[in-house]
């Protein structure tokens, strides 16, 4: 099986958020865990036990969290990408140090729970494939940021181009890099400015469109976290498909909880409040007496006043985002 994954945890310029004033983008919450950890959890289910996590100069919290909380039977190394480096250059340095295939993905790219395992198994049945890409039949992302689509004959990718309605296989960030693609990354000039390769999709596009060989493994949907509203979409999937709802704080008997919800430890909820469905209350928040919260994410240190109705929103101390 594939035992190594490279995870890009640097905030992507396409990921627009009003919630990063006190945490990096990769640390935004997904039902009690940072986004990057949710991605790594999926890889762990697929048998990956060794991780190289790329962080920037502003992502020290990522390394601190993983060092303190990551599972004991996996190892994590960190590569620091300085402000004068590009992602292309960083991946080239990593590729020059590895001679075995690895998973390559970003902190904010999601598909169904078992897709990483499926991707790894498919690669093991076709180990000579230079690059195995993942393509989705539909995107759940709210963002209008340009997506790429793969033009493919059966499972062979012939071209990657900006996505248009009606095209199949929306390109996602998760791939498996075979030895020929690792050699391609390693051979990229160290002085390459990477202006066309600011993210993984751009790197895949350049490789394929320059004649590189790639295969595709389809998935029914993908969710790229590009804006805050996407966190609510991910939350619904985690609650529905992974049944990851938990009540971890003491709740007064007069509070009505309508599943699915997740309530972290150290959450205060007033009498006669109504919580749910599709609610995540992060540790340290407070819900006032008689408040109603539904389809919402309430972040740490937020106080929802008594009698307030919060619906279809993400609430932080500095911003309320309605969707």
C-alpha atoms as a PDB file:
ATOM      1  CA  UNK A   1       0.000   0.000   0.000  1.00  0.00           C
ATOM      2  CA  UNK A   2       0.922   3.666  -0.274  1.00  0.00           C
ATOM      3  CA  UNK A   3       2.501   4.602   3.041  1.00  0.00           C
ATOM      4  CA  UNK A   4       3.470   8.255   2.539  1.00  0.00           C
ATOM      5  CA  UNK A   5       1.465  11.434   1.953  1.00  0.00           C
ATOM      6  CA  UNK A   6       2.532  15.010   1.291  1.00  0.00           C
ATOM      7  CA  UNK A   7      -0.074  17.458   2.583  1.00  0.00           C
ATOM      8  CA  UNK A   8       0.025  21.115   1.588  1.00  0.00           C
ATOM      9  CA  UNK A   9      -1.125  23.054   4.670  1.00  0.00           C
ATOM     10  CA  UNK A  10      -0.245  26.528   3.408  1.00  0.00           C
ATOM     11  CA  UNK A  11      -3.231  28.821   3.060  1.00  0.00           C
ATOM     12  CA  UNK A  12      -4.345  28.779  -0.570  1.00  0.00           C
ATOM     13  CA  UNK A  13      -4.952  32.206  -2.094  1.00  0.00           C
ATOM     14  CA  UNK A  14      -8.215  30.862  -3.526  1.00  0.00           C
ATOM     15  CA  UNK A  15      -9.449  30.109   0.002  1.00  0.00           C
ATOM     16  CA  UNK A  16     -11.139  33.332   1.061  1.00  0.00           C
ATOM     17  CA  UNK A  17     -12.099  33.492   4.740  1.00  0.00           C
ATOM     18  CA  UNK A  18     -13.112  36.015   7.379  1.00  0.00           C
ATOM     19  CA  UNK A  19     -12.360  33.494  10.133  1.00  0.00           C
ATOM     20  CA  UNK A  20      -8.570  33.428   9.993  1.00  0.00           C
ATOM     21  CA  UNK A  21      -7.815  36.384  12.264  1.00  0.00           C
ATOM     22  CA  UNK A  22      -6.860  33.974  15.055  1.00  0.00           C
ATOM     23  CA  UNK A  23      -5.930  30.760  13.220  1.00  0.00           C
ATOM     24  CA  UNK A  24      -4.434  29.653   9.893  1.00  0.00           C
ATOM     25  CA  UNK A  25      -6.766  28.450   7.148  1.00  0.00           C
ATOM     26  CA  UNK A  26      -5.662  24.835   7.643  1.00  0.00           C
ATOM     27  CA  UNK A  27      -6.763  25.093  11.293  1.00  0.00           C
ATOM     28  CA  UNK A  28     -10.349  26.167  10.593  1.00  0.00           C
ATOM     29  CA  UNK A  29     -12.730  23.817  12.402  1.00  0.00           C
ATOM     30  CA  UNK A  30     -14.469  20.796  10.931  1.00  0.00           C
ATOM     31  CA  UNK A  31     -16.525  19.267  13.756  1.00  0.00           C
ATOM     32  CA  UNK A  32     -13.915  19.356  16.497  1.00  0.00           C
ATOM     33  CA  UNK A  33     -10.873  18.888  14.280  1.00  0.00           C
ATOM     34  CA  UNK A  34      -8.885  21.254  12.035  1.00  0.00           C
ATOM     35  CA  UNK A  35      -9.394  20.879   8.290  1.00  0.00           C
ATOM     36  CA  UNK A  36      -5.873  19.505   7.805  1.00  0.00           C
ATOM     37  CA  UNK A  37      -6.497  16.807  10.418  1.00  0.00           C
ATOM     38  CA  UNK A  38      -9.765  15.781   8.755  1.00  0.00           C
ATOM     39  CA  UNK A  39      -7.864  15.300   5.482  1.00  0.00           C
ATOM     40  CA  UNK A  40      -5.165  13.298   7.250  1.00  0.00           C
ATOM     41  CA  UNK A  41      -7.807  11.170   8.989  1.00  0.00           C
ATOM     42  CA  UNK A  42      -9.067  10.069   5.582  1.00  0.00           C
ATOM     43  CA  UNK A  43      -5.551   9.151   4.485  1.00  0.00           C
ATOM     44  CA  UNK A  44      -5.004   7.245   7.719  1.00  0.00           C
ATOM     45  CA  UNK A  45      -8.070   5.123   6.897  1.00  0.00           C
ATOM     46  CA  UNK A  46      -6.346   4.301   3.607  1.00  0.00           C
ATOM     47  CA  UNK A  47      -3.284   2.947   5.391  1.00  0.00           C
ATOM     48  CA  UNK A  48      -0.998   5.987   5.157  1.00  0.00           C
ATOM     49  CA  UNK A  49       1.255   6.204   8.213  1.00  0.00           C
ATOM     50  CA  UNK A  50       3.963   8.686   7.166  1.00  0.00           C
ATOM     51  CA  UNK A  51       3.205  12.352   6.490  1.00  0.00           C
ATOM     52  CA  UNK A  52       5.163  15.298   5.186  1.00  0.00           C
ATOM     53  CA  UNK A  53       3.208  18.476   5.929  1.00  0.00           C
ATOM     54  CA  UNK A  54       4.170  21.671   4.105  1.00  0.00           C
ATOM     55  CA  UNK A  55       3.651  24.741   6.277  1.00  0.00           C
ATOM     56  CA  UNK A  56       4.362  28.403   5.735  1.00  0.00           C
ATOM     57  CA  UNK A  57       5.796  30.953   8.091  1.00  0.00           C
ATOM     58  CA  UNK A  58       2.284  31.729   9.369  1.00  0.00           C
ATOM     59  CA  UNK A  59       1.268  28.101   9.967  1.00  0.00           C
ATOM     60  CA  UNK A  60       3.140  27.347  13.178  1.00  0.00           C
ATOM     61  CA  UNK A  61      -0.168  26.405  14.825  1.00  0.00           C
ATOM     62  CA  UNK A  62      -0.487  23.479  12.390  1.00  0.00           C
ATOM     63  CA  UNK A  63       2.806  21.965  13.503  1.00  0.00           C
ATOM     64  CA  UNK A  64       2.030  22.622  17.177  1.00  0.00           C
ATOM     65  CA  UNK A  65      -1.358  20.892  16.949  1.00  0.00           C
ATOM     66  CA  UNK A  66      -0.126  17.853  15.053  1.00  0.00           C
ATOM     67  CA  UNK A  67       2.851  17.417  17.369  1.00  0.00           C
ATOM     68  CA  UNK A  68       0.513  17.452  20.368  1.00  0.00           C
ATOM     69  CA  UNK A  69      -2.533  15.584  19.061  1.00  0.00           C
ATOM     70  CA  UNK A  70      -1.679  13.358  16.078  1.00  0.00           C
ATOM     71  CA  UNK A  71      -2.088   9.605  16.450  1.00  0.00           C
ATOM     72  CA  UNK A  72       0.744   7.589  17.973  1.00  0.00           C
ATOM     73  CA  UNK A  73       1.051   5.076  15.125  1.00  0.00           C
ATOM     74  CA  UNK A  74       1.824   7.701  12.463  1.00  0.00           C
ATOM     75  CA  UNK A  75       4.833   9.950  11.917  1.00  0.00           C
ATOM     76  CA  UNK A  76       4.729  13.564  10.790  1.00  0.00           C
ATOM     77  CA  UNK A  77       7.587  15.636   9.385  1.00  0.00           C
ATOM     78  CA  UNK A  78       7.291  19.293   8.484  1.00  0.00           C
ATOM     79  CA  UNK A  79       8.730  21.235   5.568  1.00  0.00           C
ATOM     80  CA  UNK A  80       8.784  25.010   5.940  1.00  0.00           C
ATOM     81  CA  UNK A  81       8.077  26.957   2.770  1.00  0.00           C
ATOM     82  CA  UNK A  82       9.536  30.443   3.080  1.00  0.00           C
ATOM     83  CA  UNK A  83       7.868  33.497   1.612  1.00  0.00           C
ATOM     84  CA  UNK A  84      10.373  33.632  -1.257  1.00  0.00           C
ATOM     85  CA  UNK A  85       9.663  30.039  -2.326  1.00  0.00           C
ATOM     86  CA  UNK A  86       6.920  28.721  -4.571  1.00  0.00           C
ATOM     87  CA  UNK A  87       4.947  25.520  -4.139  1.00  0.00           C
ATOM     88  CA  UNK A  88       6.638  24.165  -7.261  1.00  0.00           C
ATOM     89  CA  UNK A  89      10.061  24.664  -5.702  1.00  0.00           C
ATOM     90  CA  UNK A  90       9.022  23.115  -2.385  1.00  0.00           C
ATOM     91  CA  UNK A  91       7.578  20.013  -4.041  1.00  0.00           C
ATOM     92  CA  UNK A  92      10.727  19.712  -6.134  1.00  0.00           C
ATOM     93  CA  UNK A  93      12.838  19.627  -2.964  1.00  0.00           C
ATOM     94  CA  UNK A  94      10.584  16.964  -1.426  1.00  0.00           C
ATOM     95  CA  UNK A  95      10.601  14.889  -4.624  1.00  0.00           C
ATOM     96  CA  UNK A  96      14.398  14.857  -4.717  1.00  0.00           C
ATOM     97  CA  UNK A  97      14.382  13.157  -1.307  1.00  0.00           C
ATOM     98  CA  UNK A  98      11.842  10.414  -2.086  1.00  0.00           C
ATOM     99  CA  UNK A  99      12.007   7.403  -4.360  1.00  0.00           C
ATOM    100  CA  UNK A 100       8.636   5.816  -3.579  1.00  0.00           C
ATOM    101  CA  UNK A 101       5.124   6.851  -4.695  1.00  0.00           C
ATOM    102  CA  UNK A 102       3.194   9.138  -2.363  1.00  0.00           C
ATOM    103  CA  UNK A 103      -0.206  10.752  -2.018  1.00  0.00           C
ATOM    104  CA  UNK A 104      -0.245  14.493  -2.716  1.00  0.00           C
ATOM    105  CA  UNK A 105      -3.125  16.641  -1.505  1.00  0.00           C
ATOM    106  CA  UNK A 106      -4.061  19.933   0.134  1.00  0.00           C
ATOM    107  CA  UNK A 107      -5.581  20.673   3.534  1.00  0.00           C
ATOM    108  CA  UNK A 108      -8.899  21.768   2.043  1.00  0.00           C
ATOM    109  CA  UNK A 109      -9.838  19.109  -0.510  1.00  0.00           C
ATOM    110  CA  UNK A 110     -12.547  16.574   0.396  1.00  0.00           C
ATOM    111  CA  UNK A 111     -14.406  13.702  -1.217  1.00  0.00           C
ATOM    112  CA  UNK A 112     -16.365  10.874   0.365  1.00  0.00           C
ATOM    113  CA  UNK A 113     -14.927   9.247   3.460  1.00  0.00           C
ATOM    114  CA  UNK A 114     -13.343   6.176   1.847  1.00  0.00           C
ATOM    115  CA  UNK A 115     -12.135   7.757  -1.372  1.00  0.00           C
ATOM    116  CA  UNK A 116      -8.483   8.049  -0.287  1.00  0.00           C
ATOM    117  CA  UNK A 117      -8.442   4.327   0.440  1.00  0.00           C
ATOM    118  CA  UNK A 118     -10.010   3.619  -2.950  1.00  0.00           C
ATOM    119  CA  UNK A 119      -7.466   5.824  -4.719  1.00  0.00           C
ATOM    120  CA  UNK A 120      -4.571   4.035  -3.029  1.00  0.00           C
ATOM    121  CA  UNK A 121      -5.961   0.625  -3.897  1.00  0.00           C
ATOM    122  CA  UNK A 122      -6.458   1.604  -7.529  1.00  0.00           C
ATOM    123  CA  UNK A 123      -2.877   2.782  -7.759  1.00  0.00           C
ATOM    124  CA  UNK A 124      -1.611  -0.513  -6.330  1.00  0.00           C
ATOM    125  CA  UNK A 125      -3.385  -2.298  -9.188  1.00  0.00           C
ATOM    126  CA  UNK A 126      -1.703   0.062 -11.712  1.00  0.00           C
ATOM    127  CA  UNK A 127       1.677   0.862 -10.087  1.00  0.00           C
ATOM    128  CA  UNK A 128       3.320   2.027 -13.305  1.00  0.00           C
ATOM    129  CA  UNK A 129       0.953   4.992 -13.730  1.00  0.00           C
ATOM    130  CA  UNK A 130       3.026   8.210 -13.581  1.00  0.00           C
ATOM    131  CA  UNK A 131       0.263  10.278 -11.971  1.00  0.00           C
ATOM    132  CA  UNK A 132      -3.129   9.131 -10.722  1.00  0.00           C
ATOM    133  CA  UNK A 133      -5.567  12.025 -10.453  1.00  0.00           C
ATOM    134  CA  UNK A 134      -8.972  12.160  -8.813  1.00  0.00           C
ATOM    135  CA  UNK A 135     -11.929  13.616 -10.677  1.00  0.00           C
ATOM    136  CA  UNK A 136     -15.388  14.415  -9.363  1.00  0.00           C
ATOM    137  CA  UNK A 137     -18.717  14.217 -11.128  1.00  0.00           C
ATOM    138  CA  UNK A 138     -19.960  17.263  -9.189  1.00  0.00           C
ATOM    139  CA  UNK A 139     -18.475  20.041  -7.096  1.00  0.00           C
ATOM    140  CA  UNK A 140     -20.184  21.043  -3.841  1.00  0.00           C
ATOM    141  CA  UNK A 141     -18.018  24.134  -3.506  1.00  0.00           C
ATOM    142  CA  UNK A 142     -19.841  27.469  -3.314  1.00  0.00           C
ATOM    143  CA  UNK A 143     -16.908  29.435  -4.696  1.00  0.00           C
ATOM    144  CA  UNK A 144     -16.829  30.867  -8.214  1.00  0.00           C
ATOM    145  CA  UNK A 145     -13.054  30.381  -8.306  1.00  0.00           C
ATOM    146  CA  UNK A 146     -12.011  28.726 -11.552  1.00  0.00           C
ATOM    147  CA  UNK A 147     -12.022  24.935 -11.416  1.00  0.00           C
ATOM    148  CA  UNK A 148     -10.267  22.628 -13.826  1.00  0.00           C
ATOM    149  CA  UNK A 149     -11.812  19.737 -15.715  1.00  0.00           C
ATOM    150  CA  UNK A 150     -10.094  16.698 -17.139  1.00  0.00           C
ATOM    151  CA  UNK A 151     -10.752  15.529 -20.643  1.00  0.00           C
ATOM    152  CA  UNK A 152     -10.341  11.781 -20.546  1.00  0.00           C
ATOM    153  CA  UNK A 153     -10.666   8.743 -22.777  1.00  0.00           C
ATOM    154  CA  UNK A 154     -11.756   6.000 -20.385  1.00  0.00           C
ATOM    155  CA  UNK A 155      -9.265   6.374 -17.528  1.00  0.00           C
ATOM    156  CA  UNK A 156      -6.505   8.224 -19.410  1.00  0.00           C
ATOM    157  CA  UNK A 157      -6.334  12.005 -19.045  1.00  0.00           C
ATOM    158  CA  UNK A 158      -5.615  13.781 -22.311  1.00  0.00           C
ATOM    159  CA  UNK A 159      -5.959  17.429 -21.273  1.00  0.00           C
ATOM    160  CA  UNK A 160      -6.816  19.657 -18.316  1.00  0.00           C
ATOM    161  CA  UNK A 161      -8.676  22.901 -18.977  1.00  0.00           C
ATOM    162  CA  UNK A 162     -10.879  25.411 -17.114  1.00  0.00           C
ATOM    163  CA  UNK A 163     -14.138  23.706 -16.202  1.00  0.00           C
ATOM    164  CA  UNK A 164     -17.270  24.319 -18.251  1.00  0.00           C
ATOM    165  CA  UNK A 165     -20.806  23.111 -17.627  1.00  0.00           C
ATOM    166  CA  UNK A 166     -21.390  19.653 -19.040  1.00  0.00           C
ATOM    167  CA  UNK A 167     -17.782  18.534 -18.797  1.00  0.00           C
ATOM    168  CA  UNK A 168     -17.087  15.452 -16.735  1.00  0.00           C
ATOM    169  CA  UNK A 169     -14.451  14.973 -14.059  1.00  0.00           C
ATOM    170  CA  UNK A 170     -13.782  18.141 -12.113  1.00  0.00           C
ATOM    171  CA  UNK A 171     -10.148  18.013 -11.054  1.00  0.00           C
ATOM    172  CA  UNK A 172      -9.558  17.700  -7.299  1.00  0.00           C
ATOM    173  CA  UNK A 173      -6.335  18.236  -5.362  1.00  0.00           C
ATOM    174  CA  UNK A 174      -5.777  14.635  -4.240  1.00  0.00           C
ATOM    175  CA  UNK A 175      -3.483  12.534  -6.407  1.00  0.00           C
ATOM    176  CA  UNK A 176      -0.935   9.749  -6.167  1.00  0.00           C
ATOM    177  CA  UNK A 177       2.478  10.590  -7.550  1.00  0.00           C
ATOM    178  CA  UNK A 178       4.162   7.665  -9.257  1.00  0.00           C
ATOM    179  CA  UNK A 179       7.897   7.562  -9.862  1.00  0.00           C
ATOM    180  CA  UNK A 180       7.810   9.277 -13.308  1.00  0.00           C
ATOM    181  CA  UNK A 181       5.871  12.241 -11.870  1.00  0.00           C
ATOM    182  CA  UNK A 182       8.183  12.395  -8.845  1.00  0.00           C
ATOM    183  CA  UNK A 183      11.098  12.556 -11.293  1.00  0.00           C
ATOM    184  CA  UNK A 184       9.259  15.344 -13.141  1.00  0.00           C
ATOM    185  CA  UNK A 185       8.910  17.355  -9.924  1.00  0.00           C
ATOM    186  CA  UNK A 186      12.521  16.697  -8.960  1.00  0.00           C
ATOM    187  CA  UNK A 187      13.760  17.897 -12.348  1.00  0.00           C
ATOM    188  CA  UNK A 188      11.957  21.223 -12.232  1.00  0.00           C
ATOM    189  CA  UNK A 189      14.481  24.066 -12.176  1.00  0.00           C
ATOM    190  CA  UNK A 190      15.136  25.443  -8.694  1.00  0.00           C
ATOM    191  CA  UNK A 191      14.753  28.945 -10.124  1.00  0.00           C
ATOM    192  CA  UNK A 192      11.297  28.189 -11.579  1.00  0.00           C
ATOM    193  CA  UNK A 193       9.105  31.062 -10.475  1.00  0.00           C
ATOM    194  CA  UNK A 194       6.046  28.843 -10.501  1.00  0.00           C
ATOM    195  CA  UNK A 195       3.838  31.716 -11.590  1.00  0.00           C
ATOM    196  CA  UNK A 196       1.469  29.305 -13.315  1.00  0.00           C
ATOM    197  CA  UNK A 197       1.699  26.748 -10.538  1.00  0.00           C
ATOM    198  CA  UNK A 198       0.477  28.461  -7.397  1.00  0.00           C
ATOM    199  CA  UNK A 199      -1.631  25.447  -6.404  1.00  0.00           C
ATOM    200  CA  UNK A 200      -1.764  21.704  -7.022  1.00  0.00           C
ATOM    201  CA  UNK A 201      -4.340  21.940  -9.806  1.00  0.00           C
ATOM    202  CA  UNK A 202      -2.048  24.253 -11.761  1.00  0.00           C
ATOM    203  CA  UNK A 203       0.870  21.864 -11.338  1.00  0.00           C
ATOM    204  CA  UNK A 204      -1.215  18.946 -12.607  1.00  0.00           C
ATOM    205  CA  UNK A 205      -2.465  21.071 -15.514  1.00  0.00           C
ATOM    206  CA  UNK A 206       1.023  22.032 -16.629  1.00  0.00           C
ATOM    207  CA  UNK A 207       2.319  18.469 -16.399  1.00  0.00           C
ATOM    208  CA  UNK A 208      -0.539  16.919 -18.403  1.00  0.00           C
ATOM    209  CA  UNK A 209      -0.748  19.675 -21.005  1.00  0.00           C
ATOM    210  CA  UNK A 210       2.996  19.379 -21.648  1.00  0.00           C
ATOM    211  CA  UNK A 211       2.445  15.750 -22.594  1.00  0.00           C
ATOM    212  CA  UNK A 212       2.750  14.007 -19.237  1.00  0.00           C
ATOM    213  CA  UNK A 213       0.810  10.778 -18.769  1.00  0.00           C
ATOM    214  CA  UNK A 214      -1.918  10.601 -16.112  1.00  0.00           C
ATOM    215  CA  UNK A 215      -4.821   8.368 -15.168  1.00  0.00           C
ATOM    216  CA  UNK A 216      -8.063   9.236 -13.409  1.00  0.00           C
ATOM    217  CA  UNK A 217     -10.083   7.688 -10.577  1.00  0.00           C
ATOM    218  CA  UNK A 218     -13.618   9.122 -10.425  1.00  0.00           C
ATOM    219  CA  UNK A 219     -15.554  10.103  -7.331  1.00  0.00           C
ATOM    220  CA  UNK A 220     -19.169  11.223  -7.190  1.00  0.00           C
ATOM    221  CA  UNK A 221     -18.470  14.603  -5.570  1.00  0.00           C
ATOM    222  CA  UNK A 222     -15.710  16.855  -4.320  1.00  0.00           C
ATOM    223  CA  UNK A 223     -15.713  19.736  -1.882  1.00  0.00           C
ATOM    224  CA  UNK A 224     -12.917  22.259  -2.037  1.00  0.00           C
ATOM    225  CA  UNK A 225     -13.061  24.594   0.966  1.00  0.00           C
ATOM    226  CA  UNK A 226     -12.639  27.908  -0.823  1.00  0.00           C
ATOM    227  CA  UNK A 227     -14.869  30.130   1.304  1.00  0.00           C
ATOM    228  CA  UNK A 228     -16.539  30.067   4.684  1.00  0.00           C
ATOM    229  CA  UNK A 229     -19.875  28.783   3.389  1.00  0.00           C
ATOM    230  CA  UNK A 230     -18.082  25.590   2.332  1.00  0.00           C
ATOM    231  CA  UNK A 231     -17.423  24.825   6.014  1.00  0.00           C
ATOM    232  CA  UNK A 232     -21.170  24.438   6.532  1.00  0.00           C
ATOM    233  CA  UNK A 233     -21.413  22.093   3.551  1.00  0.00           C
ATOM    234  CA  UNK A 234     -18.577  19.983   4.946  1.00  0.00           C
ATOM    235  CA  UNK A 235     -20.241  20.042   8.354  1.00  0.00           C
ATOM    236  CA  UNK A 236     -23.440  18.577   6.921  1.00  0.00           C
ATOM    237  CA  UNK A 237     -21.513  15.774   5.230  1.00  0.00           C
ATOM    238  CA  UNK A 238     -19.584  14.943   8.378  1.00  0.00           C
ATOM    239  CA  UNK A 239     -22.790  14.821  10.408  1.00  0.00           C
ATOM    240  CA  UNK A 240     -24.756  12.836   7.821  1.00  0.00           C
ATOM    241  CA  UNK A 241     -22.275  10.474   6.228  1.00  0.00           C
ATOM    242  CA  UNK A 242     -19.795  10.009   9.073  1.00  0.00           C
ATOM    243  CA  UNK A 243     -22.364  10.338  11.850  1.00  0.00           C
ATOM    244  CA  UNK A 244     -19.896  12.456  13.783  1.00  0.00           C
ATOM    245  CA  UNK A 245     -22.393  14.129  16.078  1.00  0.00           C
ATOM    246  CA  UNK A 246     -21.549  14.163  19.785  1.00  0.00           C
ATOM    247  CA  UNK A 247     -22.824  15.967  22.878  1.00  0.00           C
ATOM    248  CA  UNK A 248     -19.722  16.569  24.986  1.00  0.00           C
ATOM    249  CA  UNK A 249     -21.009  19.297  27.318  1.00  0.00           C
ATOM    250  CA  UNK A 250     -23.586  19.130  30.080  1.00  0.00           C
ATOM    251  CA  UNK A 251     -26.932  20.326  28.710  1.00  0.00           C
ATOM    252  CA  UNK A 252     -29.851  21.595  30.834  1.00  0.00           C
ATOM    253  CA  UNK A 253     -32.929  19.335  30.614  1.00  0.00           C
ATOM    254  CA  UNK A 254     -35.014  22.150  29.117  1.00  0.00           C
ATOM    255  CA  UNK A 255     -32.735  22.448  26.075  1.00  0.00           C
ATOM    256  CA  UNK A 256     -34.115  20.851  22.912  1.00  0.00           C
ATOM    257  CA  UNK A 257     -31.474  19.166  20.759  1.00  0.00           C
ATOM    258  CA  UNK A 258     -32.500  18.219  17.219  1.00  0.00           C
ATOM    259  CA  UNK A 259     -29.901  15.858  15.688  1.00  0.00           C
ATOM    260  CA  UNK A 260     -27.519  15.824  14.041  1.00  0.00           C
ATOM    261  CA  UNK A 261     -25.370  18.199  16.104  1.00  0.00           C
ATOM    262  CA  UNK A 262     -21.926  18.289  17.679  1.00  0.00           C
ATOM    263  CA  UNK A 263     -21.381  20.169  20.920  1.00  0.00           C
ATOM    264  CA  UNK A 264     -17.776  20.383  22.100  1.00  0.00           C
ATOM    265  CA  UNK A 265     -16.686  20.277  25.733  1.00  0.00           C
ATOM    266  CA  UNK A 266     -16.835  23.554  27.672  1.00  0.00           C
ATOM    267  CA  UNK A 267     -19.897  24.905  25.859  1.00  0.00           C
ATOM    268  CA  UNK A 268     -22.484  26.787  27.919  1.00  0.00           C
ATOM    269  CA  UNK A 269     -26.151  26.520  26.867  1.00  0.00           C
ATOM    270  CA  UNK A 270     -28.957  28.429  28.573  1.00  0.00           C
ATOM    271  CA  UNK A 271     -32.344  27.085  29.593  1.00  0.00           C
ATOM    272  CA  UNK A 272     -34.983  26.449  26.901  1.00  0.00           C
ATOM    273  CA  UNK A 273     -32.563  26.928  24.007  1.00  0.00           C
ATOM    274  CA  UNK A 274     -33.076  24.913  20.820  1.00  0.00           C
ATOM    275  CA  UNK A 275     -30.027  23.493  19.048  1.00  0.00           C
ATOM    276  CA  UNK A 276     -30.125  21.795  15.651  1.00  0.00           C
ATOM    277  CA  UNK A 277     -30.293  20.321  13.215  1.00  0.00           C
ATOM    278  CA  UNK A 278     -26.835  20.610  11.593  1.00  0.00           C
ATOM    279  CA  UNK A 279     -25.129  22.643  14.287  1.00  0.00           C
ATOM    280  CA  UNK A 280     -21.567  22.645  15.561  1.00  0.00           C
ATOM    281  CA  UNK A 281     -20.815  24.512  18.798  1.00  0.00           C
ATOM    282  CA  UNK A 282     -17.061  24.896  19.229  1.00  0.00           C
ATOM    283  CA  UNK A 283     -15.490  24.669  22.668  1.00  0.00           C
ATOM    284  CA  UNK A 284     -15.686  27.960  24.559  1.00  0.00           C
ATOM    285  CA  UNK A 285     -18.862  29.370  23.002  1.00  0.00           C
ATOM    286  CA  UNK A 286     -22.022  30.274  24.917  1.00  0.00           C
ATOM    287  CA  UNK A 287     -25.667  30.027  23.852  1.00  0.00           C
ATOM    288  CA  UNK A 288     -28.141  32.247  25.706  1.00  0.00           C
ATOM    289  CA  UNK A 289     -31.440  31.260  27.272  1.00  0.00           C
ATOM    290  CA  UNK A 290     -34.175  30.634  24.724  1.00  0.00           C
ATOM    291  CA  UNK A 291     -31.834  31.050  21.732  1.00  0.00           C
ATOM    292  CA  UNK A 292     -32.449  29.016  18.581  1.00  0.00           C
ATOM    293  CA  UNK A 293     -29.479  27.776  16.536  1.00  0.00           C
ATOM    294  CA  UNK A 294     -29.923  25.731  13.347  1.00  0.00           C
ATOM    295  CA  UNK A 295     -27.662  24.930  10.389  1.00  0.00           C
ATOM    296  CA  UNK A 296     -24.891  26.973  11.949  1.00  0.00           C
ATOM    297  CA  UNK A 297     -21.317  26.929  13.163  1.00  0.00           C
ATOM    298  CA  UNK A 298     -20.669  28.884  16.363  1.00  0.00           C
ATOM    299  CA  UNK A 299     -16.973  29.408  17.017  1.00  0.00           C
ATOM    300  CA  UNK A 300     -14.887  29.673  20.170  1.00  0.00           C
ATOM    301  CA  UNK A 301     -15.558  32.683  22.475  1.00  0.00           C
ATOM    302  CA  UNK A 302     -18.809  33.625  20.700  1.00  0.00           C
ATOM    303  CA  UNK A 303     -21.820  34.476  22.858  1.00  0.00           C
ATOM    304  CA  UNK A 304     -25.237  34.070  21.216  1.00  0.00           C
ATOM    305  CA  UNK A 305     -27.526  36.396  23.191  1.00  0.00           C
ATOM    306  CA  UNK A 306     -30.683  35.129  24.880  1.00  0.00           C
ATOM    307  CA  UNK A 307     -33.653  34.835  22.549  1.00  0.00           C
ATOM    308  CA  UNK A 308     -31.538  35.161  19.397  1.00  0.00           C
ATOM    309  CA  UNK A 309     -32.305  33.049  16.303  1.00  0.00           C
ATOM    310  CA  UNK A 310     -29.181  32.017  14.362  1.00  0.00           C
ATOM    311  CA  UNK A 311     -29.804  30.153  11.121  1.00  0.00           C
ATOM    312  CA  UNK A 312     -27.662  29.349   8.058  1.00  0.00           C
ATOM    313  CA  UNK A 313     -24.664  31.191   9.456  1.00  0.00           C
ATOM    314  CA  UNK A 314     -21.128  30.976  10.745  1.00  0.00           C
ATOM    315  CA  UNK A 315     -20.587  33.174  13.790  1.00  0.00           C
ATOM    316  CA  UNK A 316     -17.165  34.280  15.010  1.00  0.00           C
ATOM    317  CA  UNK A 317     -16.212  37.025  17.441  1.00  0.00           C
ATOM    318  CA  UNK A 318     -15.325  39.358  14.568  1.00  0.00           C
ATOM    319  CA  UNK A 319     -17.741  38.285  11.856  1.00  0.00           C
ATOM    320  CA  UNK A 320     -21.106  36.719  11.140  1.00  0.00           C
ATOM    321  CA  UNK A 321     -21.324  35.070   7.730  1.00  0.00           C
ATOM    322  CA  UNK A 322     -24.817  34.298   6.452  1.00  0.00           C
ATOM    323  CA  UNK A 323     -25.256  31.751   3.668  1.00  0.00           C
END
